[in-house]
Amino acid sequence: MADLALVAAVCALNAVAAGPAAAAHAAIVPPACPDWGTKGALLHADSFDSGMQQWVPEYRSAAGSSVAASQGKLTVDVAGDATVWFKPRLQGDILISYRRKMMMGGGPNDRLSDLNQFWMASDPRHDYLFTRDGTFSQYDALSLYYMGMGGNSNTSTRFRKYDGSGQRVLLTDLSDAAHLLQANRDYAIQIAVYQGCTRMLIDGEEYFSYRDAAPLRAGHFGFRTTHSRQEISDFTVHQLIPGNGNVK
């Protein structure tokens, strides 16, 4: 931490020496998020052996579309848009973990695209969130963080913040093959929200981290996709507490 402080101080002095414009720019660049705390108490878990009691699926009923949980898997097999919300409202410093696989085996909905998720989601206009049919544009007015991996037919991986007024601010946009989807790969995913920062790790690799000037500290988590078949397992939510762990 001392080294980071020294670097920040040197950068600030260099900016001042370069002139008022550079100094102003240095002042508004958010600091990095070097600390992610230590995994604390287990707050929630679902082994997907007992049905959908903890989840609210939003999708249009159609032949060949289903969302179901059994035998350790949450299976989302849909011909169109779908969101599957976790019922409990999350808040504070947390670590959301799960495994997720894009199933490709010749099924009618098998499409390598849209391993997406919402977190810290709330509706500024209504207390009750679960009122939609899965159509993507219906979520534009929410306040939330969103990450879409392999969107647009597996050509982009994007991280956004929805500000609650209809603006979907793009914060990260990746298009290289290493950050796109692979068929039938069992991804280990972690989403951390800690002391004003959020980040996503996939198989231990940081895809992005972001220090938010107006952080979202409470809201719902949801799996999101369109026209795909996916299996999800090992869902947990842990508290994050201060410590030396720098969680991975």
C-alpha atoms as a PDB file:
ATOM      1  CA  MET A   1       0.000   0.000   0.000  1.00  0.00           C
ATOM      2  CA  ALA A   2       2.891   2.371   0.775  1.00  0.00           C
ATOM      3  CA  ASP A   3       4.332   1.778  -2.676  1.00  0.00           C
ATOM      4  CA  LEU A   4       0.963   2.582  -4.256  1.00  0.00           C
ATOM      5  CA  ALA A   5       0.729   5.791  -2.250  1.00  0.00           C
ATOM      6  CA  LEU A   6       4.243   6.793  -3.355  1.00  0.00           C
ATOM      7  CA  VAL A   7       3.383   6.144  -7.000  1.00  0.00           C
ATOM      8  CA  ALA A   8       0.205   8.210  -6.686  1.00  0.00           C
ATOM      9  CA  ALA A   9       2.119  11.079  -5.106  1.00  0.00           C
ATOM     10  CA  VAL A  10       4.777  11.050  -7.832  1.00  0.00           C
ATOM     11  CA  CYS A  11       2.099  11.011 -10.537  1.00  0.00           C
ATOM     12  CA  ALA A  12       0.348  13.954  -8.926  1.00  0.00           C
ATOM     13  CA  LEU A  13       3.599  15.971  -8.726  1.00  0.00           C
ATOM     14  CA  ASN A  14       4.382  15.195 -12.349  1.00  0.00           C
ATOM     15  CA  ALA A  15       0.894  16.302 -13.358  1.00  0.00           C
ATOM     16  CA  VAL A  16       1.255  19.598 -11.498  1.00  0.00           C
ATOM     17  CA  ALA A  17       4.606  20.180 -13.184  1.00  0.00           C
ATOM     18  CA  ALA A  18       2.984  19.505 -16.558  1.00  0.00           C
ATOM     19  CA  GLY A  19       0.381  22.177 -16.045  1.00  0.00           C
ATOM     20  CA  PRO A  20      -3.141  22.813 -14.675  1.00  0.00           C
ATOM     21  CA  ALA A  21      -4.922  20.659 -17.266  1.00  0.00           C
ATOM     22  CA  ALA A  22      -2.798  17.618 -16.521  1.00  0.00           C
ATOM     23  CA  ALA A  23      -3.189  18.144 -12.773  1.00  0.00           C
ATOM     24  CA  ALA A  24      -6.969  18.309 -13.114  1.00  0.00           C
ATOM     25  CA  HIS A  25      -6.986  15.080 -15.117  1.00  0.00           C
ATOM     26  CA  ALA A  26      -4.821  13.336 -12.507  1.00  0.00           C
ATOM     27  CA  ALA A  27      -7.217  14.424  -9.775  1.00  0.00           C
ATOM     28  CA  ILE A  28     -10.237  12.740 -11.352  1.00  0.00           C
ATOM     29  CA  VAL A  29      -8.611   9.409 -12.291  1.00  0.00           C
ATOM     30  CA  PRO A  30      -9.967   6.923  -9.715  1.00  0.00           C
ATOM     31  CA  PRO A  31      -7.364   5.011  -7.721  1.00  0.00           C
ATOM     32  CA  ALA A  32      -6.868   1.307  -8.322  1.00  0.00           C
ATOM     33  CA  CYS A  33      -8.497  -1.395  -6.222  1.00  0.00           C
ATOM     34  CA  PRO A  34      -5.507  -3.268  -4.749  1.00  0.00           C
ATOM     35  CA  ASP A  35      -7.333  -4.895  -1.827  1.00  0.00           C
ATOM     36  CA  TRP A  36     -10.227  -7.343  -2.065  1.00  0.00           C
ATOM     37  CA  GLY A  37     -10.470  -8.467   1.528  1.00  0.00           C
ATOM     38  CA  THR A  38     -10.793 -11.960   2.932  1.00  0.00           C
ATOM     39  CA  LYS A  39     -13.628 -14.450   2.537  1.00  0.00           C
ATOM     40  CA  GLY A  40     -15.810 -14.396   5.644  1.00  0.00           C
ATOM     41  CA  ALA A  41     -19.115 -15.980   6.591  1.00  0.00           C
ATOM     42  CA  LEU A  42     -21.214 -17.918   4.107  1.00  0.00           C
ATOM     43  CA  LEU A  43     -24.356 -15.843   3.568  1.00  0.00           C
ATOM     44  CA  HIS A  44     -26.199 -17.865   0.896  1.00  0.00           C
ATOM     45  CA  ALA A  45     -25.767 -21.063  -1.094  1.00  0.00           C
ATOM     46  CA  ASP A  46     -27.686 -23.216  -3.544  1.00  0.00           C
ATOM     47  CA  SER A  47     -26.630 -26.698  -4.625  1.00  0.00           C
ATOM     48  CA  PHE A  48     -29.554 -26.832  -7.100  1.00  0.00           C
ATOM     49  CA  ASP A  49     -30.868 -30.099  -5.678  1.00  0.00           C
ATOM     50  CA  SER A  50     -34.201 -28.720  -4.418  1.00  0.00           C
ATOM     51  CA  GLY A  51     -35.789 -26.853  -7.297  1.00  0.00           C
ATOM     52  CA  MET A  52     -36.241 -23.131  -7.867  1.00  0.00           C
ATOM     53  CA  GLN A  53     -37.243 -21.949  -4.375  1.00  0.00           C
ATOM     54  CA  GLN A  54     -34.491 -19.300  -4.258  1.00  0.00           C
ATOM     55  CA  TRP A  55     -34.898 -18.071  -7.837  1.00  0.00           C
ATOM     56  CA  VAL A  56     -37.311 -16.040  -9.983  1.00  0.00           C
ATOM     57  CA  PRO A  57     -37.048 -16.773 -13.728  1.00  0.00           C
ATOM     58  CA  GLU A  58     -38.191 -14.102 -16.166  1.00  0.00           C
ATOM     59  CA  TYR A  59     -38.680 -15.300 -19.753  1.00  0.00           C
ATOM     60  CA  ARG A  60     -41.437 -15.684 -22.293  1.00  0.00           C
ATOM     61  CA  SER A  61     -43.010 -19.102 -22.300  1.00  0.00           C
ATOM     62  CA  ALA A  62     -42.289 -20.841 -25.598  1.00  0.00           C
ATOM     63  CA  ALA A  63     -42.008 -24.351 -26.940  1.00  0.00           C
ATOM     64  CA  GLY A  64     -38.542 -25.675 -26.192  1.00  0.00           C
ATOM     65  CA  SER A  65     -37.742 -23.085 -23.494  1.00  0.00           C
ATOM     66  CA  SER A  66     -37.306 -23.988 -19.824  1.00  0.00           C
ATOM     67  CA  VAL A  67     -35.518 -22.988 -16.636  1.00  0.00           C
ATOM     68  CA  ALA A  68     -35.177 -25.717 -14.013  1.00  0.00           C
ATOM     69  CA  ALA A  69     -32.980 -26.817 -11.093  1.00  0.00           C
ATOM     70  CA  SER A  70     -32.242 -30.429 -10.201  1.00  0.00           C
ATOM     71  CA  GLN A  71     -29.370 -32.848  -9.573  1.00  0.00           C
ATOM     72  CA  GLY A  72     -26.914 -30.060  -8.778  1.00  0.00           C
ATOM     73  CA  LYS A  73     -27.549 -27.967 -11.881  1.00  0.00           C
ATOM     74  CA  LEU A  74     -29.557 -24.877 -12.762  1.00  0.00           C
ATOM     75  CA  THR A  75     -30.310 -25.354 -16.458  1.00  0.00           C
ATOM     76  CA  VAL A  76     -31.324 -22.363 -18.566  1.00  0.00           C
ATOM     77  CA  ASP A  77     -32.456 -23.608 -21.974  1.00  0.00           C
ATOM     78  CA  VAL A  78     -34.225 -20.791 -23.791  1.00  0.00           C
ATOM     79  CA  ALA A  79     -35.066 -19.728 -27.324  1.00  0.00           C
ATOM     80  CA  GLY A  80     -35.180 -16.029 -26.397  1.00  0.00           C
ATOM     81  CA  ASP A  81     -34.280 -13.607 -23.606  1.00  0.00           C
ATOM     82  CA  ALA A  82     -34.112 -14.734 -19.979  1.00  0.00           C
ATOM     83  CA  THR A  83     -33.089 -13.452 -16.562  1.00  0.00           C
ATOM     84  CA  VAL A  84     -33.004 -15.705 -13.492  1.00  0.00           C
ATOM     85  CA  TRP A  85     -32.994 -13.586 -10.325  1.00  0.00           C
ATOM     86  CA  PHE A  86     -31.730 -14.698  -6.917  1.00  0.00           C
ATOM     87  CA  LYS A  87     -34.532 -13.827  -4.499  1.00  0.00           C
ATOM     88  CA  PRO A  88     -32.515 -12.619  -1.477  1.00  0.00           C
ATOM     89  CA  ARG A  89     -31.353  -9.024  -1.679  1.00  0.00           C
ATOM     90  CA  LEU A  90     -27.582  -8.732  -1.278  1.00  0.00           C
ATOM     91  CA  GLN A  91     -25.758  -5.879   0.408  1.00  0.00           C
ATOM     92  CA  GLY A  92     -22.380  -4.778   1.670  1.00  0.00           C
ATOM     93  CA  ASP A  93     -19.024  -6.335   0.852  1.00  0.00           C
ATOM     94  CA  ILE A  94     -19.671  -9.708  -0.774  1.00  0.00           C
ATOM     95  CA  LEU A  95     -18.187 -12.410  -2.985  1.00  0.00           C
ATOM     96  CA  ILE A  96     -20.539 -14.183  -5.411  1.00  0.00           C
ATOM     97  CA  SER A  97     -19.184 -17.475  -6.797  1.00  0.00           C
ATOM     98  CA  TYR A  98     -20.540 -20.088  -9.192  1.00  0.00           C
ATOM     99  CA  ARG A  99     -19.657 -22.384 -12.062  1.00  0.00           C
ATOM    100  CA  ARG A 100     -21.223 -21.897 -15.491  1.00  0.00           C
ATOM    101  CA  LYS A 101     -21.027 -23.813 -18.759  1.00  0.00           C
ATOM    102  CA  MET A 102     -22.252 -22.999 -22.270  1.00  0.00           C
ATOM    103  CA  MET A 103     -23.717 -26.266 -23.537  1.00  0.00           C
ATOM    104  CA  MET A 104     -23.095 -27.064 -27.187  1.00  0.00           C
ATOM    105  CA  GLY A 105     -24.317 -30.451 -28.348  1.00  0.00           C
ATOM    106  CA  GLY A 106     -26.742 -29.946 -31.179  1.00  0.00           C
ATOM    107  CA  GLY A 107     -29.748 -28.884 -29.093  1.00  0.00           C
ATOM    108  CA  PRO A 108     -32.313 -26.473 -30.577  1.00  0.00           C
ATOM    109  CA  ASN A 109     -31.147 -23.606 -28.338  1.00  0.00           C
ATOM    110  CA  ASP A 110     -27.434 -24.409 -28.378  1.00  0.00           C
ATOM    111  CA  ARG A 111     -25.740 -21.143 -29.291  1.00  0.00           C
ATOM    112  CA  LEU A 112     -22.314 -19.999 -28.137  1.00  0.00           C
ATOM    113  CA  SER A 113     -23.244 -16.522 -26.922  1.00  0.00           C
ATOM    114  CA  ASP A 114     -24.322 -14.504 -23.892  1.00  0.00           C
ATOM    115  CA  LEU A 115     -22.908 -15.730 -20.612  1.00  0.00           C
ATOM    116  CA  ASN A 116     -24.285 -12.621 -18.916  1.00  0.00           C
ATOM    117  CA  GLN A 117     -25.047 -11.474 -15.363  1.00  0.00           C
ATOM    118  CA  PHE A 118     -26.510  -8.577 -13.360  1.00  0.00           C
ATOM    119  CA  TRP A 119     -25.530  -7.705  -9.781  1.00  0.00           C
ATOM    120  CA  MET A 120     -26.456  -5.106  -7.187  1.00  0.00           C
ATOM    121  CA  ALA A 121     -29.611  -4.525  -9.246  1.00  0.00           C
ATOM    122  CA  SER A 122     -32.491  -2.368  -8.043  1.00  0.00           C
ATOM    123  CA  ASP A 123     -35.367  -0.440  -9.573  1.00  0.00           C
ATOM    124  CA  PRO A 124     -35.251   3.250  -8.573  1.00  0.00           C
ATOM    125  CA  ARG A 125     -38.992   3.543  -9.255  1.00  0.00           C
ATOM    126  CA  HIS A 126     -40.306   0.390  -7.569  1.00  0.00           C
ATOM    127  CA  ASP A 127     -39.438  -1.607  -4.459  1.00  0.00           C
ATOM    128  CA  TYR A 128     -40.302  -4.925  -6.124  1.00  0.00           C
ATOM    129  CA  LEU A 129     -37.859  -5.921  -8.871  1.00  0.00           C
ATOM    130  CA  PHE A 130     -39.310  -9.075 -10.389  1.00  0.00           C
ATOM    131  CA  THR A 131     -41.871  -7.663 -12.830  1.00  0.00           C
ATOM    132  CA  ARG A 132     -40.462  -8.316 -16.325  1.00  0.00           C
ATOM    133  CA  ASP A 133     -40.660 -11.007 -19.011  1.00  0.00           C
ATOM    134  CA  GLY A 134     -36.922 -11.191 -19.760  1.00  0.00           C
ATOM    135  CA  THR A 135     -36.843  -8.763 -22.712  1.00  0.00           C
ATOM    136  CA  PHE A 136     -33.429  -7.118 -22.447  1.00  0.00           C
ATOM    137  CA  SER A 137     -34.565  -3.519 -23.004  1.00  0.00           C
ATOM    138  CA  GLN A 138     -36.938  -3.772 -20.012  1.00  0.00           C
ATOM    139  CA  TYR A 139     -33.917  -3.621 -17.695  1.00  0.00           C
ATOM    140  CA  ASP A 140     -32.468  -0.377 -19.096  1.00  0.00           C
ATOM    141  CA  ALA A 141     -33.928   1.824 -16.352  1.00  0.00           C
ATOM    142  CA  LEU A 142     -32.527  -0.283 -13.492  1.00  0.00           C
ATOM    143  CA  SER A 143     -29.507   0.552 -11.374  1.00  0.00           C
ATOM    144  CA  LEU A 144     -26.978  -2.299 -11.609  1.00  0.00           C
ATOM    145  CA  TYR A 145     -23.660  -3.685 -12.775  1.00  0.00           C
ATOM    146  CA  TYR A 146     -23.713  -5.881 -15.888  1.00  0.00           C
ATOM    147  CA  MET A 147     -21.165  -8.132 -17.517  1.00  0.00           C
ATOM    148  CA  GLY A 148     -21.876  -9.866 -20.821  1.00  0.00           C
ATOM    149  CA  MET A 149     -19.296 -12.454 -21.864  1.00  0.00           C
ATOM    150  CA  GLY A 150     -19.407 -13.552 -25.486  1.00  0.00           C
ATOM    151  CA  GLY A 151     -22.225 -11.225 -26.462  1.00  0.00           C
ATOM    152  CA  ASN A 152     -23.277 -10.405 -30.008  1.00  0.00           C
ATOM    153  CA  SER A 153     -22.773 -14.001 -31.191  1.00  0.00           C
ATOM    154  CA  ASN A 154     -19.533 -14.355 -29.221  1.00  0.00           C
ATOM    155  CA  THR A 155     -17.758 -11.280 -30.554  1.00  0.00           C
ATOM    156  CA  SER A 156     -17.554  -9.065 -27.446  1.00  0.00           C
ATOM    157  CA  THR A 157     -17.202  -9.169 -23.653  1.00  0.00           C
ATOM    158  CA  ARG A 158     -18.453  -6.004 -21.989  1.00  0.00           C
ATOM    159  CA  PHE A 159     -18.817  -4.557 -18.507  1.00  0.00           C
ATOM    160  CA  ARG A 160     -21.345  -1.776 -17.922  1.00  0.00           C
ATOM    161  CA  LYS A 161     -22.934   0.210 -15.159  1.00  0.00           C
ATOM    162  CA  TYR A 162     -26.625   1.044 -15.524  1.00  0.00           C
ATOM    163  CA  ASP A 163     -27.205   4.319 -13.706  1.00  0.00           C
ATOM    164  CA  GLY A 164     -30.970   4.042 -13.133  1.00  0.00           C
ATOM    165  CA  SER A 165     -31.865   6.759 -15.638  1.00  0.00           C
ATOM    166  CA  GLY A 166     -31.566   4.683 -18.800  1.00  0.00           C
ATOM    167  CA  GLN A 167     -27.836   5.225 -19.335  1.00  0.00           C
ATOM    168  CA  ARG A 168     -25.842   2.007 -19.765  1.00  0.00           C
ATOM    169  CA  VAL A 169     -22.285   3.237 -19.279  1.00  0.00           C
ATOM    170  CA  LEU A 170     -19.677   1.074 -21.015  1.00  0.00           C
ATOM    171  CA  LEU A 171     -16.627   0.589 -18.774  1.00  0.00           C
ATOM    172  CA  THR A 172     -14.762  -2.339 -20.386  1.00  0.00           C
ATOM    173  CA  ASP A 173     -14.954  -3.773 -23.904  1.00  0.00           C
ATOM    174  CA  LEU A 174     -12.892  -6.867 -24.785  1.00  0.00           C
ATOM    175  CA  SER A 175     -12.981  -8.642 -28.141  1.00  0.00           C
ATOM    176  CA  ASP A 176      -9.856 -10.824 -28.238  1.00  0.00           C
ATOM    177  CA  ALA A 177     -10.361 -14.581 -28.438  1.00  0.00           C
ATOM    178  CA  ALA A 178      -8.970 -15.167 -24.941  1.00  0.00           C
ATOM    179  CA  HIS A 179     -11.909 -13.251 -23.424  1.00  0.00           C
ATOM    180  CA  LEU A 180     -14.642 -14.845 -25.536  1.00  0.00           C
ATOM    181  CA  LEU A 181     -16.575 -18.057 -24.892  1.00  0.00           C
ATOM    182  CA  GLN A 182     -15.458 -21.622 -25.381  1.00  0.00           C
ATOM    183  CA  ALA A 183     -18.027 -24.364 -25.886  1.00  0.00           C
ATOM    184  CA  ASN A 184     -18.665 -26.766 -22.978  1.00  0.00           C
ATOM    185  CA  ARG A 185     -15.999 -25.157 -20.785  1.00  0.00           C
ATOM    186  CA  ASP A 186     -16.876 -25.192 -17.088  1.00  0.00           C
ATOM    187  CA  TYR A 187     -16.027 -21.627 -16.029  1.00  0.00           C
ATOM    188  CA  ALA A 188     -15.355 -20.763 -12.376  1.00  0.00           C
ATOM    189  CA  ILE A 189     -16.689 -17.230 -11.861  1.00  0.00           C
ATOM    190  CA  GLN A 190     -16.267 -14.842  -8.935  1.00  0.00           C
ATOM    191  CA  ILE A 191     -17.782 -11.391  -8.586  1.00  0.00           C
ATOM    192  CA  ALA A 192     -16.506  -9.238  -5.725  1.00  0.00           C
ATOM    193  CA  VAL A 193     -18.049  -6.060  -4.347  1.00  0.00           C
ATOM    194  CA  TYR A 194     -15.712  -4.541  -1.769  1.00  0.00           C
ATOM    195  CA  GLN A 195     -15.246  -1.064  -0.339  1.00  0.00           C
ATOM    196  CA  GLY A 196     -16.423   0.855  -3.390  1.00  0.00           C
ATOM    197  CA  CYS A 197     -14.908  -1.506  -5.971  1.00  0.00           C
ATOM    198  CA  THR A 198     -16.218  -4.390  -8.038  1.00  0.00           C
ATOM    199  CA  ARG A 199     -14.421  -6.951 -10.166  1.00  0.00           C
ATOM    200  CA  MET A 200     -14.910 -10.252 -11.980  1.00  0.00           C
ATOM    201  CA  LEU A 201     -12.532 -13.199 -12.024  1.00  0.00           C
ATOM    202  CA  ILE A 202     -13.020 -16.019 -14.520  1.00  0.00           C
ATOM    203  CA  ASP A 203     -10.933 -19.121 -13.879  1.00  0.00           C
ATOM    204  CA  GLY A 204      -8.766 -16.958 -11.634  1.00  0.00           C
ATOM    205  CA  GLU A 205      -8.097 -14.286 -14.273  1.00  0.00           C
ATOM    206  CA  GLU A 206      -9.252 -10.733 -13.645  1.00  0.00           C
ATOM    207  CA  TYR A 207     -11.388  -9.593 -16.568  1.00  0.00           C
ATOM    208  CA  PHE A 208     -11.944  -6.149 -15.034  1.00  0.00           C
ATOM    209  CA  SER A 209     -11.964  -4.195 -11.805  1.00  0.00           C
ATOM    210  CA  TYR A 210     -13.578  -0.841 -11.220  1.00  0.00           C
ATOM    211  CA  ARG A 211     -13.574   1.714  -8.425  1.00  0.00           C
ATOM    212  CA  ASP A 212     -16.959   3.412  -8.537  1.00  0.00           C
ATOM    213  CA  ALA A 213     -17.337   7.032  -7.417  1.00  0.00           C
ATOM    214  CA  ALA A 214     -20.968   6.211  -6.601  1.00  0.00           C
ATOM    215  CA  PRO A 215     -20.800   2.502  -5.742  1.00  0.00           C
ATOM    216  CA  LEU A 216     -23.847   0.244  -5.756  1.00  0.00           C
ATOM    217  CA  ARG A 217     -23.936  -1.306  -2.291  1.00  0.00           C
ATOM    218  CA  ALA A 218     -27.160  -3.324  -2.350  1.00  0.00           C
ATOM    219  CA  GLY A 219     -29.398  -5.113  -4.809  1.00  0.00           C
ATOM    220  CA  HIS A 220     -30.173  -8.415  -6.490  1.00  0.00           C
ATOM    221  CA  PHE A 221     -28.053 -10.821  -8.504  1.00  0.00           C
ATOM    222  CA  GLY A 222     -29.316 -12.397 -11.713  1.00  0.00           C
ATOM    223  CA  PHE A 223     -28.104 -14.783 -14.392  1.00  0.00           C
ATOM    224  CA  ARG A 224     -28.811 -13.325 -17.810  1.00  0.00           C
ATOM    225  CA  THR A 225     -28.757 -14.729 -21.368  1.00  0.00           C
ATOM    226  CA  THR A 226     -30.542 -14.901 -24.699  1.00  0.00           C
ATOM    227  CA  HIS A 227     -31.082 -17.944 -26.942  1.00  0.00           C
ATOM    228  CA  SER A 228     -28.689 -20.403 -25.353  1.00  0.00           C
ATOM    229  CA  ARG A 229     -28.426 -23.502 -23.185  1.00  0.00           C
ATOM    230  CA  GLN A 230     -26.378 -23.191 -20.001  1.00  0.00           C
ATOM    231  CA  GLU A 231     -25.685 -25.178 -16.842  1.00  0.00           C
ATOM    232  CA  ILE A 232     -24.907 -23.420 -13.549  1.00  0.00           C
ATOM    233  CA  SER A 233     -23.709 -25.017 -10.316  1.00  0.00           C
ATOM    234  CA  ASP A 234     -22.071 -24.379  -6.911  1.00  0.00           C
ATOM    235  CA  PHE A 235     -23.659 -20.986  -6.244  1.00  0.00           C
ATOM    236  CA  THR A 236     -22.468 -19.251  -3.045  1.00  0.00           C
ATOM    237  CA  VAL A 237     -22.384 -15.759  -1.568  1.00  0.00           C
ATOM    238  CA  HIS A 238     -19.792 -14.996   1.121  1.00  0.00           C
ATOM    239  CA  GLN A 239     -19.192 -11.888   3.164  1.00  0.00           C
ATOM    240  CA  LEU A 240     -15.906 -10.118   2.474  1.00  0.00           C
ATOM    241  CA  ILE A 241     -14.073  -8.760   5.507  1.00  0.00           C
ATOM    242  CA  PRO A 242     -10.868  -6.755   5.899  1.00  0.00           C
ATOM    243  CA  GLY A 243      -7.767  -8.906   5.954  1.00  0.00           C
ATOM    244  CA  ASN A 244      -4.654  -9.992   4.121  1.00  0.00           C
ATOM    245  CA  GLY A 245      -6.286 -12.518   1.813  1.00  0.00           C
ATOM    246  CA  ASN A 246      -6.741 -10.399  -1.328  1.00  0.00           C
ATOM    247  CA  VAL A 247      -9.413 -12.921  -2.345  1.00  0.00           C
ATOM    248  CA  LYS A 248      -8.975 -15.017  -5.469  1.00  0.00           C
END
